[in-house]
Amino acid sequence: MSAVRKYEEDLEIPEVPQRKERPHIVRSELRGVLNRPMRSKFRLFFVAFTILAMAVTIRSGISASRGYMLVNTYNQAQEIEQENARLKIEIAHLKSPQRIRDIAVRELGMEEASKVYYGSGR
């Protein structure tokens, strides 16, 4: 006997327990094991969660688009108010008596009266 063999025999190597093979479970056998009421509750929960998530997403989209419309309307109102103020200034300039007098003298050839007489309406 060789020295290596004798050495191996003297060593005590513990036995490793072997795994037992699990029997192959057929899907039809598994169906009875699963909890059907729990599965239906999970499906219901999943559908409800999906619907709620879609509703939140849609509502936030609607809110964002309304916000954009509100800002756009506010900007338009500001532009219209500025245009209105500009037009009021232009109207005041066009109505000024000095401007009317200048147009009458320059374009229509009218002259300003040197004396003004006021009569009573008798």
PDB file of N, CA and C in Angstrom:
ATOM      1  N   MET A   1       0.838  -1.140   0.000  1.00  0.00           N
ATOM      2  CA  MET A   1       0.000   0.000   0.000  1.00  0.00           C
ATOM      3  C   MET A   1       0.902   1.227   0.000  1.00  0.00           C
ATOM      4  N   SER A   2       0.502   2.188  -0.734  1.00  0.00           N
ATOM      5  CA  SER A   2       1.328   3.377  -0.837  1.00  0.00           C
ATOM      6  C   SER A   2       1.049   4.285   0.345  1.00  0.00           C
ATOM      7  N   ALA A   3       1.964   5.229   0.560  1.00  0.00           N
ATOM      8  CA  ALA A   3       1.858   6.125   1.705  1.00  0.00           C
ATOM      9  C   ALA A   3       0.679   7.082   1.554  1.00  0.00           C
ATOM     10  N   VAL A   4       0.430   7.481   0.323  1.00  0.00           N
ATOM     11  CA  VAL A   4      -0.687   8.404   0.086  1.00  0.00           C
ATOM     12  C   VAL A   4      -1.993   7.714   0.409  1.00  0.00           C
ATOM     13  N   ARG A   5      -2.106   6.450  -0.003  1.00  0.00           N
ATOM     14  CA  ARG A   5      -3.348   5.747   0.233  1.00  0.00           C
ATOM     15  C   ARG A   5      -3.548   5.529   1.724  1.00  0.00           C
ATOM     16  N   LYS A   6      -2.513   5.186   2.410  1.00  0.00           N
ATOM     17  CA  LYS A   6      -2.616   4.956   3.836  1.00  0.00           C
ATOM     18  C   LYS A   6      -3.002   6.255   4.532  1.00  0.00           C
ATOM     19  N   TYR A   7      -2.441   7.383   4.067  1.00  0.00           N
ATOM     20  CA  TYR A   7      -2.759   8.678   4.649  1.00  0.00           C
ATOM     21  C   TYR A   7      -4.227   9.024   4.437  1.00  0.00           C
ATOM     22  N   GLU A   8      -4.735   8.711   3.247  1.00  0.00           N
ATOM     23  CA  GLU A   8      -6.150   8.999   2.934  1.00  0.00           C
ATOM     24  C   GLU A   8      -7.064   8.137   3.780  1.00  0.00           C
ATOM     25  N   GLU A   9      -6.670   6.924   4.039  1.00  0.00           N
ATOM     26  CA  GLU A   9      -7.510   6.044   4.845  1.00  0.00           C
ATOM     27  C   GLU A   9      -7.540   6.511   6.300  1.00  0.00           C
ATOM     28  N   ASP A  10      -6.423   7.072   6.768  1.00  0.00           N
ATOM     29  CA  ASP A  10      -6.358   7.534   8.144  1.00  0.00           C
ATOM     30  C   ASP A  10      -7.196   8.803   8.358  1.00  0.00           C
ATOM     31  N   LEU A  11      -7.298   9.609   7.313  1.00  0.00           N
ATOM     32  CA  LEU A  11      -8.107  10.822   7.424  1.00  0.00           C
ATOM     33  C   LEU A  11      -9.577  10.457   7.442  1.00  0.00           C
ATOM     34  N   GLU A  12     -10.255  11.086   8.326  1.00  0.00           N
ATOM     35  CA  GLU A  12     -11.697  10.845   8.345  1.00  0.00           C
ATOM     36  C   GLU A  12     -12.384  12.010   7.662  1.00  0.00           C
ATOM     37  N   ILE A  13     -12.944  11.782   6.557  1.00  0.00           N
ATOM     38  CA  ILE A  13     -13.654  12.807   5.804  1.00  0.00           C
ATOM     39  C   ILE A  13     -15.137  12.635   6.101  1.00  0.00           C
ATOM     40  N   PRO A  14     -15.730  13.699   6.647  1.00  0.00           N
ATOM     41  CA  PRO A  14     -17.153  13.545   6.979  1.00  0.00           C
ATOM     42  C   PRO A  14     -17.974  13.412   5.698  1.00  0.00           C
ATOM     43  N   GLU A  15     -19.013  12.677   5.841  1.00  0.00           N
ATOM     44  CA  GLU A  15     -19.889  12.489   4.682  1.00  0.00           C
ATOM     45  C   GLU A  15     -20.781  13.712   4.527  1.00  0.00           C
ATOM     46  N   VAL A  16     -20.867  14.166   3.301  1.00  0.00           N
ATOM     47  CA  VAL A  16     -21.724  15.300   2.987  1.00  0.00           C
ATOM     48  C   VAL A  16     -23.104  14.745   2.676  1.00  0.00           C
ATOM     49  N   PRO A  17     -24.106  15.246   3.391  1.00  0.00           N
ATOM     50  CA  PRO A  17     -25.429  14.701   3.096  1.00  0.00           C
ATOM     51  C   PRO A  17     -25.852  15.094   1.681  1.00  0.00           C
ATOM     52  N   GLN A  18     -26.367  14.167   0.997  1.00  0.00           N
ATOM     53  CA  GLN A  18     -26.774  14.406  -0.384  1.00  0.00           C
ATOM     54  C   GLN A  18     -28.172  14.991  -0.395  1.00  0.00           C
ATOM     55  N   ARG A  19     -28.344  15.919  -1.358  1.00  0.00           N
ATOM     56  CA  ARG A  19     -29.672  16.535  -1.483  1.00  0.00           C
ATOM     57  C   ARG A  19     -30.641  15.529  -2.046  1.00  0.00           C
ATOM     58  N   LYS A  20     -31.768  15.555  -1.466  1.00  0.00           N
ATOM     59  CA  LYS A  20     -32.816  14.711  -2.009  1.00  0.00           C
ATOM     60  C   LYS A  20     -33.494  15.462  -3.135  1.00  0.00           C
ATOM     61  N   GLU A  21     -33.755  14.787  -4.155  1.00  0.00           N
ATOM     62  CA  GLU A  21     -34.459  15.437  -5.270  1.00  0.00           C
ATOM     63  C   GLU A  21     -35.911  15.621  -4.904  1.00  0.00           C
ATOM     64  N   ARG A  22     -36.355  16.841  -5.196  1.00  0.00           N
ATOM     65  CA  ARG A  22     -37.768  17.092  -4.941  1.00  0.00           C
ATOM     66  C   ARG A  22     -38.563  16.490  -6.088  1.00  0.00           C
ATOM     67  N   PRO A  23     -39.700  15.989  -5.757  1.00  0.00           N
ATOM     68  CA  PRO A  23     -40.511  15.433  -6.854  1.00  0.00           C
ATOM     69  C   PRO A  23     -41.003  16.568  -7.747  1.00  0.00           C
ATOM     70  N   HIS A  24     -41.080  16.315  -8.994  1.00  0.00           N
ATOM     71  CA  HIS A  24     -41.546  17.298  -9.973  1.00  0.00           C
ATOM     72  C   HIS A  24     -43.035  17.515  -9.776  1.00  0.00           C
ATOM     73  N   ILE A  25     -43.392  18.805  -9.529  1.00  0.00           N
ATOM     74  CA  ILE A  25     -44.790  19.126  -9.288  1.00  0.00           C
ATOM     75  C   ILE A  25     -45.416  19.537 -10.611  1.00  0.00           C
ATOM     76  N   VAL A  26     -46.470  18.907 -10.955  1.00  0.00           N
ATOM     77  CA  VAL A  26     -47.185  19.225 -12.184  1.00  0.00           C
ATOM     78  C   VAL A  26     -48.071  20.423 -11.914  1.00  0.00           C
ATOM     79  N   ARG A  27     -48.220  21.277 -12.922  1.00  0.00           N
ATOM     80  CA  ARG A  27     -48.988  22.517 -12.756  1.00  0.00           C
ATOM     81  C   ARG A  27     -50.408  22.240 -12.272  1.00  0.00           C
ATOM     82  N   SER A  28     -51.004  21.197 -12.725  1.00  0.00           N
ATOM     83  CA  SER A  28     -52.369  20.899 -12.296  1.00  0.00           C
ATOM     84  C   SER A  28     -52.406  20.568 -10.811  1.00  0.00           C
ATOM     85  N   GLU A  29     -51.357  19.990 -10.274  1.00  0.00           N
ATOM     86  CA  GLU A  29     -51.297  19.727  -8.843  1.00  0.00           C
ATOM     87  C   GLU A  29     -51.078  21.021  -8.073  1.00  0.00           C
ATOM     88  N   LEU A  30     -50.363  21.971  -8.688  1.00  0.00           N
ATOM     89  CA  LEU A  30     -50.051  23.229  -8.045  1.00  0.00           C
ATOM     90  C   LEU A  30     -51.289  24.111  -7.897  1.00  0.00           C
ATOM     91  N   ARG A  31     -52.217  23.962  -8.783  1.00  0.00           N
ATOM     92  CA  ARG A  31     -53.417  24.793  -8.738  1.00  0.00           C
ATOM     93  C   ARG A  31     -54.176  24.623  -7.421  1.00  0.00           C
ATOM     94  N   GLY A  32     -54.225  23.474  -6.931  1.00  0.00           N
ATOM     95  CA  GLY A  32     -54.924  23.235  -5.677  1.00  0.00           C
ATOM     96  C   GLY A  32     -54.199  23.850  -4.489  1.00  0.00           C
ATOM     97  N   VAL A  33     -52.896  24.005  -4.612  1.00  0.00           N
ATOM     98  CA  VAL A  33     -52.100  24.529  -3.516  1.00  0.00           C
ATOM     99  C   VAL A  33     -52.243  26.050  -3.410  1.00  0.00           C
ATOM    100  N   LEU A  34     -52.349  26.760  -4.544  1.00  0.00           N
ATOM    101  CA  LEU A  34     -52.426  28.216  -4.541  1.00  0.00           C
ATOM    102  C   LEU A  34     -53.752  28.691  -3.959  1.00  0.00           C
ATOM    103  N   ASN A  35     -53.705  29.865  -3.370  1.00  0.00           N
ATOM    104  CA  ASN A  35     -54.862  30.444  -2.720  1.00  0.00           C
ATOM    105  C   ASN A  35     -55.644  31.267  -3.739  1.00  0.00           C
ATOM    106  N   ARG A  36     -56.722  30.726  -4.235  1.00  0.00           N
ATOM    107  CA  ARG A  36     -57.507  31.422  -5.265  1.00  0.00           C
ATOM    108  C   ARG A  36     -58.127  32.727  -4.780  1.00  0.00           C
ATOM    109  N   PRO A  37     -58.707  32.792  -3.611  1.00  0.00           N
ATOM    110  CA  PRO A  37     -59.269  34.080  -3.163  1.00  0.00           C
ATOM    111  C   PRO A  37     -58.199  35.170  -3.050  1.00  0.00           C
ATOM    112  N   MET A  38     -57.007  34.769  -2.620  1.00  0.00           N
ATOM    113  CA  MET A  38     -55.928  35.742  -2.505  1.00  0.00           C
ATOM    114  C   MET A  38     -55.515  36.247  -3.899  1.00  0.00           C
ATOM    115  N   ARG A  39     -55.486  35.347  -4.869  1.00  0.00           N
ATOM    116  CA  ARG A  39     -55.150  35.751  -6.234  1.00  0.00           C
ATOM    117  C   ARG A  39     -56.184  36.717  -6.790  1.00  0.00           C
ATOM    118  N   SER A  40     -57.450  36.463  -6.560  1.00  0.00           N
ATOM    119  CA  SER A  40     -58.489  37.358  -7.085  1.00  0.00           C
ATOM    120  C   SER A  40     -58.432  38.713  -6.381  1.00  0.00           C
ATOM    121  N   LYS A  41     -58.109  38.729  -5.094  1.00  0.00           N
ATOM    122  CA  LYS A  41     -57.961  40.005  -4.391  1.00  0.00           C
ATOM    123  C   LYS A  41     -56.778  40.792  -4.952  1.00  0.00           C
ATOM    124  N   PHE A  42     -55.688  40.093  -5.229  1.00  0.00           N
ATOM    125  CA  PHE A  42     -54.526  40.764  -5.800  1.00  0.00           C
ATOM    126  C   PHE A  42     -54.844  41.340  -7.174  1.00  0.00           C
ATOM    127  N   ARG A  43     -55.568  40.593  -7.984  1.00  0.00           N
ATOM    128  CA  ARG A  43     -55.958  41.109  -9.305  1.00  0.00           C
ATOM    129  C   ARG A  43     -56.827  42.353  -9.160  1.00  0.00           C
ATOM    130  N   LEU A  44     -57.781  42.299  -8.246  1.00  0.00           N
ATOM    131  CA  LEU A  44     -58.651  43.445  -8.014  1.00  0.00           C
ATOM    132  C   LEU A  44     -57.842  44.644  -7.533  1.00  0.00           C
ATOM    133  N   PHE A  45     -56.918  44.411  -6.620  1.00  0.00           N
ATOM    134  CA  PHE A  45     -56.048  45.485  -6.138  1.00  0.00           C
ATOM    135  C   PHE A  45     -55.214  46.070  -7.283  1.00  0.00           C
ATOM    136  N   PHE A  46     -54.665  45.228  -8.118  1.00  0.00           N
ATOM    137  CA  PHE A  46     -53.841  45.676  -9.238  1.00  0.00           C
ATOM    138  C   PHE A  46     -54.657  46.526 -10.214  1.00  0.00           C
ATOM    139  N   VAL A  47     -55.861  46.085 -10.534  1.00  0.00           N
ATOM    140  CA  VAL A  47     -56.723  46.844 -11.449  1.00  0.00           C
ATOM    141  C   VAL A  47     -57.097  48.191 -10.823  1.00  0.00           C
ATOM    142  N   ALA A  48     -57.461  48.189  -9.545  1.00  0.00           N
ATOM    143  CA  ALA A  48     -57.837  49.434  -8.872  1.00  0.00           C
ATOM    144  C   ALA A  48     -56.642  50.392  -8.815  1.00  0.00           C
ATOM    145  N   PHE A  49     -55.469  49.866  -8.501  1.00  0.00           N
ATOM    146  CA  PHE A  49     -54.264  50.702  -8.446  1.00  0.00           C
ATOM    147  C   PHE A  49     -53.946  51.286  -9.819  1.00  0.00           C
ATOM    148  N   THR A  50     -54.086  50.496 -10.856  1.00  0.00           N
ATOM    149  CA  THR A  50     -53.817  50.967 -12.215  1.00  0.00           C
ATOM    150  C   THR A  50     -54.788  52.075 -12.607  1.00  0.00           C
ATOM    151  N   ILE A  51     -56.053  51.901 -12.293  1.00  0.00           N
ATOM    152  CA  ILE A  51     -57.057  52.916 -12.621  1.00  0.00           C
ATOM    153  C   ILE A  51     -56.779  54.209 -11.856  1.00  0.00           C
ATOM    154  N   LEU A  52     -56.455  54.101 -10.574  1.00  0.00           N
ATOM    155  CA  LEU A  52     -56.150  55.293  -9.787  1.00  0.00           C
ATOM    156  C   LEU A  52     -54.892  56.004 -10.300  1.00  0.00           C
ATOM    157  N   ALA A  53     -53.878  55.239 -10.679  1.00  0.00           N
ATOM    158  CA  ALA A  53     -52.656  55.847 -11.219  1.00  0.00           C
ATOM    159  C   ALA A  53     -52.952  56.587 -12.525  1.00  0.00           C
ATOM    160  N   MET A  54     -53.788  55.989 -13.378  1.00  0.00           N
ATOM    161  CA  MET A  54     -54.162  56.649 -14.631  1.00  0.00           C
ATOM    162  C   MET A  54     -54.951  57.925 -14.342  1.00  0.00           C
ATOM    163  N   ALA A  55     -55.844  57.877 -13.363  1.00  0.00           N
ATOM    164  CA  ALA A  55     -56.648  59.058 -13.031  1.00  0.00           C
ATOM    165  C   ALA A  55     -55.761  60.191 -12.526  1.00  0.00           C
ATOM    166  N   VAL A  56     -54.791  59.870 -11.678  1.00  0.00           N
ATOM    167  CA  VAL A  56     -53.892  60.899 -11.161  1.00  0.00           C
ATOM    168  C   VAL A  56     -53.078  61.505 -12.302  1.00  0.00           C
ATOM    169  N   THR A  57     -52.597  60.671 -13.197  1.00  0.00           N
ATOM    170  CA  THR A  57     -51.797  61.157 -14.328  1.00  0.00           C
ATOM    171  C   THR A  57     -52.631  62.055 -15.239  1.00  0.00           C
ATOM    172  N   ILE A  58     -53.838  61.647 -15.532  1.00  0.00           N
ATOM    173  CA  ILE A  58     -54.706  62.440 -16.403  1.00  0.00           C
ATOM    174  C   ILE A  58     -55.059  63.772 -15.742  1.00  0.00           C
ATOM    175  N   ARG A  59     -55.382  63.731 -14.436  1.00  0.00           N
ATOM    176  CA  ARG A  59     -55.731  64.982 -13.739  1.00  0.00           C
ATOM    177  C   ARG A  59     -54.555  65.951 -13.688  1.00  0.00           C
ATOM    178  N   SER A  60     -53.355  65.442 -13.489  1.00  0.00           N
ATOM    179  CA  SER A  60     -52.202  66.345 -13.456  1.00  0.00           C
ATOM    180  C   SER A  60     -51.944  66.931 -14.840  1.00  0.00           C
ATOM    181  N   GLY A  61     -52.189  66.158 -15.883  1.00  0.00           N
ATOM    182  CA  GLY A  61     -52.058  66.685 -17.246  1.00  0.00           C
ATOM    183  C   GLY A  61     -53.072  67.779 -17.522  1.00  0.00           C
ATOM    184  N   ILE A  62     -54.293  67.560 -17.084  1.00  0.00           N
ATOM    185  CA  ILE A  62     -55.342  68.568 -17.268  1.00  0.00           C
ATOM    186  C   ILE A  62     -54.996  69.833 -16.484  1.00  0.00           C
ATOM    187  N   SER A  63     -54.517  69.663 -15.258  1.00  0.00           N
ATOM    188  CA  SER A  63     -54.143  70.826 -14.440  1.00  0.00           C
ATOM    189  C   SER A  63     -53.015  71.610 -15.098  1.00  0.00           C
ATOM    190  N   ALA A  64     -52.050  70.909 -15.644  1.00  0.00           N
ATOM    191  CA  ALA A  64     -50.931  71.595 -16.302  1.00  0.00           C
ATOM    192  C   ALA A  64     -51.406  72.367 -17.523  1.00  0.00           C
ATOM    193  N   SER A  65     -52.272  71.756 -18.335  1.00  0.00           N
ATOM    194  CA  SER A  65     -52.755  72.461 -19.531  1.00  0.00           C
ATOM    195  C   SER A  65     -53.615  73.665 -19.143  1.00  0.00           C
ATOM    196  N   ARG A  66     -54.390  73.539 -18.078  1.00  0.00           N
ATOM    197  CA  ARG A  66     -55.182  74.685 -17.620  1.00  0.00           C
ATOM    198  C   ARG A  66     -54.281  75.803 -17.097  1.00  0.00           C
ATOM    199  N   GLY A  67     -53.205  75.424 -16.445  1.00  0.00           N
ATOM    200  CA  GLY A  67     -52.249  76.419 -15.969  1.00  0.00           C
ATOM    201  C   GLY A  67     -51.627  77.186 -17.124  1.00  0.00           C
ATOM    202  N   TYR A  68     -51.264  76.461 -18.191  1.00  0.00           N
ATOM    203  CA  TYR A  68     -50.702  77.127 -19.371  1.00  0.00           C
ATOM    204  C   TYR A  68     -51.725  78.070 -19.993  1.00  0.00           C
ATOM    205  N   MET A  69     -52.987  77.630 -20.054  1.00  0.00           N
ATOM    206  CA  MET A  69     -54.028  78.489 -20.614  1.00  0.00           C
ATOM    207  C   MET A  69     -54.223  79.732 -19.750  1.00  0.00           C
ATOM    208  N   LEU A  70     -54.164  79.584 -18.442  1.00  0.00           N
ATOM    209  CA  LEU A  70     -54.338  80.715 -17.533  1.00  0.00           C
ATOM    210  C   LEU A  70     -53.212  81.734 -17.712  1.00  0.00           C
ATOM    211  N   VAL A  71     -51.982  81.258 -17.806  1.00  0.00           N
ATOM    212  CA  VAL A  71     -50.849  82.165 -18.006  1.00  0.00           C
ATOM    213  C   VAL A  71     -50.977  82.876 -19.349  1.00  0.00           C
ATOM    214  N   ASN A  72     -51.390  82.143 -20.381  1.00  0.00           N
ATOM    215  CA  ASN A  72     -51.567  82.742 -21.706  1.00  0.00           C
ATOM    216  C   ASN A  72     -52.659  83.815 -21.679  1.00  0.00           C
ATOM    217  N   THR A  73     -53.764  83.531 -21.015  1.00  0.00           N
ATOM    218  CA  THR A  73     -54.854  84.505 -20.905  1.00  0.00           C
ATOM    219  C   THR A  73     -54.408  85.738 -20.120  1.00  0.00           C
ATOM    220  N   TYR A  74     -53.645  85.542 -19.054  1.00  0.00           N
ATOM    221  CA  TYR A  74     -53.139  86.661 -18.265  1.00  0.00           C
ATOM    222  C   TYR A  74     -52.227  87.546 -19.116  1.00  0.00           C
ATOM    223  N   ASN A  75     -51.352  86.920 -19.901  1.00  0.00           N
ATOM    224  CA  ASN A  75     -50.460  87.697 -20.773  1.00  0.00           C
ATOM    225  C   ASN A  75     -51.246  88.482 -21.820  1.00  0.00           C
ATOM    226  N   GLN A  76     -52.277  87.862 -22.376  1.00  0.00           N
ATOM    227  CA  GLN A  76     -53.115  88.568 -23.362  1.00  0.00           C
ATOM    228  C   GLN A  76     -53.821  89.752 -22.707  1.00  0.00           C
ATOM    229  N   ALA A  77     -54.300  89.571 -21.487  1.00  0.00           N
ATOM    230  CA  ALA A  77     -54.976  90.665 -20.786  1.00  0.00           C
ATOM    231  C   ALA A  77     -54.003  91.816 -20.534  1.00  0.00           C
ATOM    232  N   GLN A  78     -52.766  91.503 -20.172  1.00  0.00           N
ATOM    233  CA  GLN A  78     -51.763  92.544 -19.961  1.00  0.00           C
ATOM    234  C   GLN A  78     -51.493  93.317 -21.261  1.00  0.00           C
ATOM    235  N   GLU A  79     -51.384  92.596 -22.381  1.00  0.00           N
ATOM    236  CA  GLU A  79     -51.146  93.250 -23.671  1.00  0.00           C
ATOM    237  C   GLU A  79     -52.317  94.158 -24.049  1.00  0.00           C
ATOM    238  N   ILE A  80     -53.530  93.685 -23.817  1.00  0.00           N
ATOM    239  CA  ILE A  80     -54.714  94.479 -24.159  1.00  0.00           C
ATOM    240  C   ILE A  80     -54.780  95.732 -23.283  1.00  0.00           C
ATOM    241  N   GLU A  81     -54.445  95.608 -21.989  1.00  0.00           N
ATOM    242  CA  GLU A  81     -54.455  96.779 -21.109  1.00  0.00           C
ATOM    243  C   GLU A  81     -53.397  97.796 -21.535  1.00  0.00           C
ATOM    244  N   GLN A  82     -52.242  97.336 -21.945  1.00  0.00           N
ATOM    245  CA  GLN A  82     -51.198  98.247 -22.426  1.00  0.00           C
ATOM    246  C   GLN A  82     -51.644  98.945 -23.711  1.00  0.00           C
ATOM    247  N   GLU A  83     -52.264  98.203 -24.620  1.00  0.00           N
ATOM    248  CA  GLU A  83     -52.777  98.790 -25.864  1.00  0.00           C
ATOM    249  C   GLU A  83     -53.862  99.819 -25.556  1.00  0.00           C
ATOM    250  N   ASN A  84     -54.730  99.517 -24.588  1.00  0.00           N
ATOM    251  CA  ASN A  84     -55.796 100.433 -24.200  1.00  0.00           C
ATOM    252  C   ASN A  84     -55.213 101.735 -23.644  1.00  0.00           C
ATOM    253  N   ALA A  85     -54.186 101.613 -22.803  1.00  0.00           N
ATOM    254  CA  ALA A  85     -53.549 102.818 -22.245  1.00  0.00           C
ATOM    255  C   ALA A  85     -52.908 103.659 -23.358  1.00  0.00           C
ATOM    256  N   ARG A  86     -52.257 102.988 -24.310  1.00  0.00           N
ATOM    257  CA  ARG A  86     -51.649 103.704 -25.440  1.00  0.00           C
ATOM    258  C   ARG A  86     -52.705 104.422 -26.272  1.00  0.00           C
ATOM    259  N   LEU A  87     -53.837 103.757 -26.511  1.00  0.00           N
ATOM    260  CA  LEU A  87     -54.916 104.375 -27.296  1.00  0.00           C
ATOM    261  C   LEU A  87     -55.530 105.567 -26.559  1.00  0.00           C
ATOM    262  N   LYS A  88     -55.656 105.483 -25.244  1.00  0.00           N
ATOM    263  CA  LYS A  88     -56.188 106.614 -24.476  1.00  0.00           C
ATOM    264  C   LYS A  88     -55.279 107.829 -24.605  1.00  0.00           C
ATOM    265  N   ILE A  89     -53.971 107.593 -24.551  1.00  0.00           N
ATOM    266  CA  ILE A  89     -53.021 108.698 -24.718  1.00  0.00           C
ATOM    267  C   ILE A  89     -53.132 109.286 -26.114  1.00  0.00           C
ATOM    268  N   GLU A  90     -53.270 108.421 -27.116  1.00  0.00           N
ATOM    269  CA  GLU A  90     -53.396 108.893 -28.498  1.00  0.00           C
ATOM    270  C   GLU A  90     -54.685 109.692 -28.691  1.00  0.00           C
ATOM    271  N   ILE A  91     -55.779 109.251 -28.084  1.00  0.00           N
ATOM    272  CA  ILE A  91     -57.052 109.971 -28.179  1.00  0.00           C
ATOM    273  C   ILE A  91     -56.926 111.347 -27.521  1.00  0.00           C
ATOM    274  N   ALA A  92     -56.277 111.382 -26.363  1.00  0.00           N
ATOM    275  CA  ALA A  92     -56.102 112.670 -25.684  1.00  0.00           C
ATOM    276  C   ALA A  92     -55.266 113.619 -26.546  1.00  0.00           C
ATOM    277  N   HIS A  93     -54.261 113.092 -27.211  1.00  0.00           N
ATOM    278  CA  HIS A  93     -53.437 113.926 -28.101  1.00  0.00           C
ATOM    279  C   HIS A  93     -54.252 114.430 -29.293  1.00  0.00           C
ATOM    280  N   LEU A  94     -55.072 113.531 -29.863  1.00  0.00           N
ATOM    281  CA  LEU A  94     -55.871 113.934 -31.031  1.00  0.00           C
ATOM    282  C   LEU A  94     -56.947 114.940 -30.665  1.00  0.00           C
ATOM    283  N   LYS A  95     -57.457 114.920 -29.437  1.00  0.00           N
ATOM    284  CA  LYS A  95     -58.514 115.833 -29.020  1.00  0.00           C
ATOM    285  C   LYS A  95     -57.981 117.176 -28.518  1.00  0.00           C
ATOM    286  N   SER A  96     -56.696 117.332 -28.418  1.00  0.00           N
ATOM    287  CA  SER A  96     -56.157 118.559 -27.821  1.00  0.00           C
ATOM    288  C   SER A  96     -56.536 119.782 -28.664  1.00  0.00           C
ATOM    289  N   PRO A  97     -56.966 120.853 -28.016  1.00  0.00           N
ATOM    290  CA  PRO A  97     -57.383 122.058 -28.741  1.00  0.00           C
ATOM    291  C   PRO A  97     -56.242 122.680 -29.562  1.00  0.00           C
ATOM    292  N   GLN A  98     -55.049 122.590 -29.074  1.00  0.00           N
ATOM    293  CA  GLN A  98     -53.913 123.162 -29.810  1.00  0.00           C
ATOM    294  C   GLN A  98     -53.720 122.440 -31.141  1.00  0.00           C
ATOM    295  N   ARG A  99     -53.856 121.140 -31.139  1.00  0.00           N
ATOM    296  CA  ARG A  99     -53.703 120.367 -32.370  1.00  0.00           C
ATOM    297  C   ARG A  99     -54.809 120.722 -33.359  1.00  0.00           C
ATOM    298  N   ILE A 100     -56.039 120.839 -32.856  1.00  0.00           N
ATOM    299  CA  ILE A 100     -57.166 121.189 -33.733  1.00  0.00           C
ATOM    300  C   ILE A 100     -56.953 122.590 -34.320  1.00  0.00           C
ATOM    301  N   ARG A 101     -56.497 123.526 -33.525  1.00  0.00           N
ATOM    302  CA  ARG A 101     -56.226 124.881 -34.001  1.00  0.00           C
ATOM    303  C   ARG A 101     -55.134 124.856 -35.084  1.00  0.00           C
ATOM    304  N   ASP A 102     -54.061 124.078 -34.860  1.00  0.00           N
ATOM    305  CA  ASP A 102     -52.964 123.996 -35.835  1.00  0.00           C
ATOM    306  C   ASP A 102     -53.450 123.432 -37.161  1.00  0.00           C
ATOM    307  N   ILE A 103     -54.277 122.412 -37.113  1.00  0.00           N
ATOM    308  CA  ILE A 103     -54.807 121.818 -38.356  1.00  0.00           C
ATOM    309  C   ILE A 103     -55.703 122.815 -39.077  1.00  0.00           C
ATOM    310  N   ALA A 104     -56.561 123.531 -38.325  1.00  0.00           N
ATOM    311  CA  ALA A 104     -57.475 124.500 -38.949  1.00  0.00           C
ATOM    312  C   ALA A 104     -56.692 125.612 -39.642  1.00  0.00           C
ATOM    313  N   VAL A 105     -55.630 126.084 -39.018  1.00  0.00           N
ATOM    314  CA  VAL A 105     -54.855 127.188 -39.613  1.00  0.00           C
ATOM    315  C   VAL A 105     -54.010 126.678 -40.771  1.00  0.00           C
ATOM    316  N   ARG A 106     -53.330 125.574 -40.598  1.00  0.00           N
ATOM    317  CA  ARG A 106     -52.372 125.101 -41.592  1.00  0.00           C
ATOM    318  C   ARG A 106     -53.045 124.437 -42.787  1.00  0.00           C
ATOM    319  N   GLU A 107     -53.974 123.516 -42.553  1.00  0.00           N
ATOM    320  CA  GLU A 107     -54.536 122.728 -43.650  1.00  0.00           C
ATOM    321  C   GLU A 107     -55.807 123.345 -44.238  1.00  0.00           C
ATOM    322  N   LEU A 108     -56.607 123.969 -43.404  1.00  0.00           N
ATOM    323  CA  LEU A 108     -57.871 124.505 -43.898  1.00  0.00           C
ATOM    324  C   LEU A 108     -57.800 125.991 -44.217  1.00  0.00           C
ATOM    325  N   GLY A 109     -56.714 126.623 -43.899  1.00  0.00           N
ATOM    326  CA  GLY A 109     -56.542 128.031 -44.212  1.00  0.00           C
ATOM    327  C   GLY A 109     -57.396 128.959 -43.361  1.00  0.00           C
ATOM    328  N   MET A 110     -57.825 128.533 -42.247  1.00  0.00           N
ATOM    329  CA  MET A 110     -58.635 129.375 -41.365  1.00  0.00           C
ATOM    330  C   MET A 110     -57.718 130.302 -40.575  1.00  0.00           C
ATOM    331  N   GLU A 111     -58.318 131.396 -40.107  1.00  0.00           N
ATOM    332  CA  GLU A 111     -57.561 132.330 -39.294  1.00  0.00           C
ATOM    333  C   GLU A 111     -58.231 132.442 -37.934  1.00  0.00           C
ATOM    334  N   GLU A 112     -57.407 132.728 -36.981  1.00  0.00           N
ATOM    335  CA  GLU A 112     -57.916 132.862 -35.633  1.00  0.00           C
ATOM    336  C   GLU A 112     -58.496 134.272 -35.497  1.00  0.00           C
ATOM    337  N   ALA A 113     -59.652 134.375 -34.917  1.00  0.00           N
ATOM    338  CA  ALA A 113     -60.306 135.675 -34.752  1.00  0.00           C
ATOM    339  C   ALA A 113     -59.540 136.521 -33.749  1.00  0.00           C
ATOM    340  N   SER A 114     -59.416 137.802 -34.085  1.00  0.00           N
ATOM    341  CA  SER A 114     -58.676 138.676 -33.173  1.00  0.00           C
ATOM    342  C   SER A 114     -59.552 139.086 -31.992  1.00  0.00           C
ATOM    343  N   LYS A 115     -60.844 139.257 -32.241  1.00  0.00           N
ATOM    344  CA  LYS A 115     -61.769 139.593 -31.161  1.00  0.00           C
ATOM    345  C   LYS A 115     -62.904 138.594 -31.178  1.00  0.00           C
ATOM    346  N   VAL A 116     -63.317 138.242 -30.002  1.00  0.00           N
ATOM    347  CA  VAL A 116     -64.408 137.300 -29.884  1.00  0.00           C
ATOM    348  C   VAL A 116     -65.563 137.994 -29.215  1.00  0.00           C
ATOM    349  N   TYR A 117     -66.710 137.933 -29.843  1.00  0.00           N
ATOM    350  CA  TYR A 117     -67.913 138.553 -29.284  1.00  0.00           C
ATOM    351  C   TYR A 117     -68.863 137.427 -28.876  1.00  0.00           C
ATOM    352  N   TYR A 118     -69.398 137.592 -27.729  1.00  0.00           N
ATOM    353  CA  TYR A 118     -70.389 136.641 -27.245  1.00  0.00           C
ATOM    354  C   TYR A 118     -71.718 137.363 -27.222  1.00  0.00           C
ATOM    355  N   GLY A 119     -72.690 136.718 -27.782  1.00  0.00           N
ATOM    356  CA  GLY A 119     -73.998 137.350 -27.789  1.00  0.00           C
ATOM    357  C   GLY A 119     -74.955 136.580 -26.908  1.00  0.00           C
ATOM    358  N   SER A 120     -75.931 137.307 -26.434  1.00  0.00           N
ATOM    359  CA  SER A 120     -76.933 136.617 -25.663  1.00  0.00           C
ATOM    360  C   SER A 120     -77.983 136.091 -26.631  1.00  0.00           C
ATOM    361  N   GLY A 121     -78.572 135.094 -26.304  1.00  0.00           N
ATOM    362  CA  GLY A 121     -79.491 134.413 -27.199  1.00  0.00           C
ATOM    363  C   GLY A 121     -80.865 135.027 -27.243  1.00  0.00           C
ATOM    364  N   ARG A 122     -81.061 136.382 -27.240  1.00  0.00           N
ATOM    365  CA  ARG A 122     -82.372 137.015 -27.215  1.00  0.00           C
ATOM    366  C   ARG A 122     -82.898 137.242 -28.551  1.00  0.00           C
TER     367      ARG A 122
END
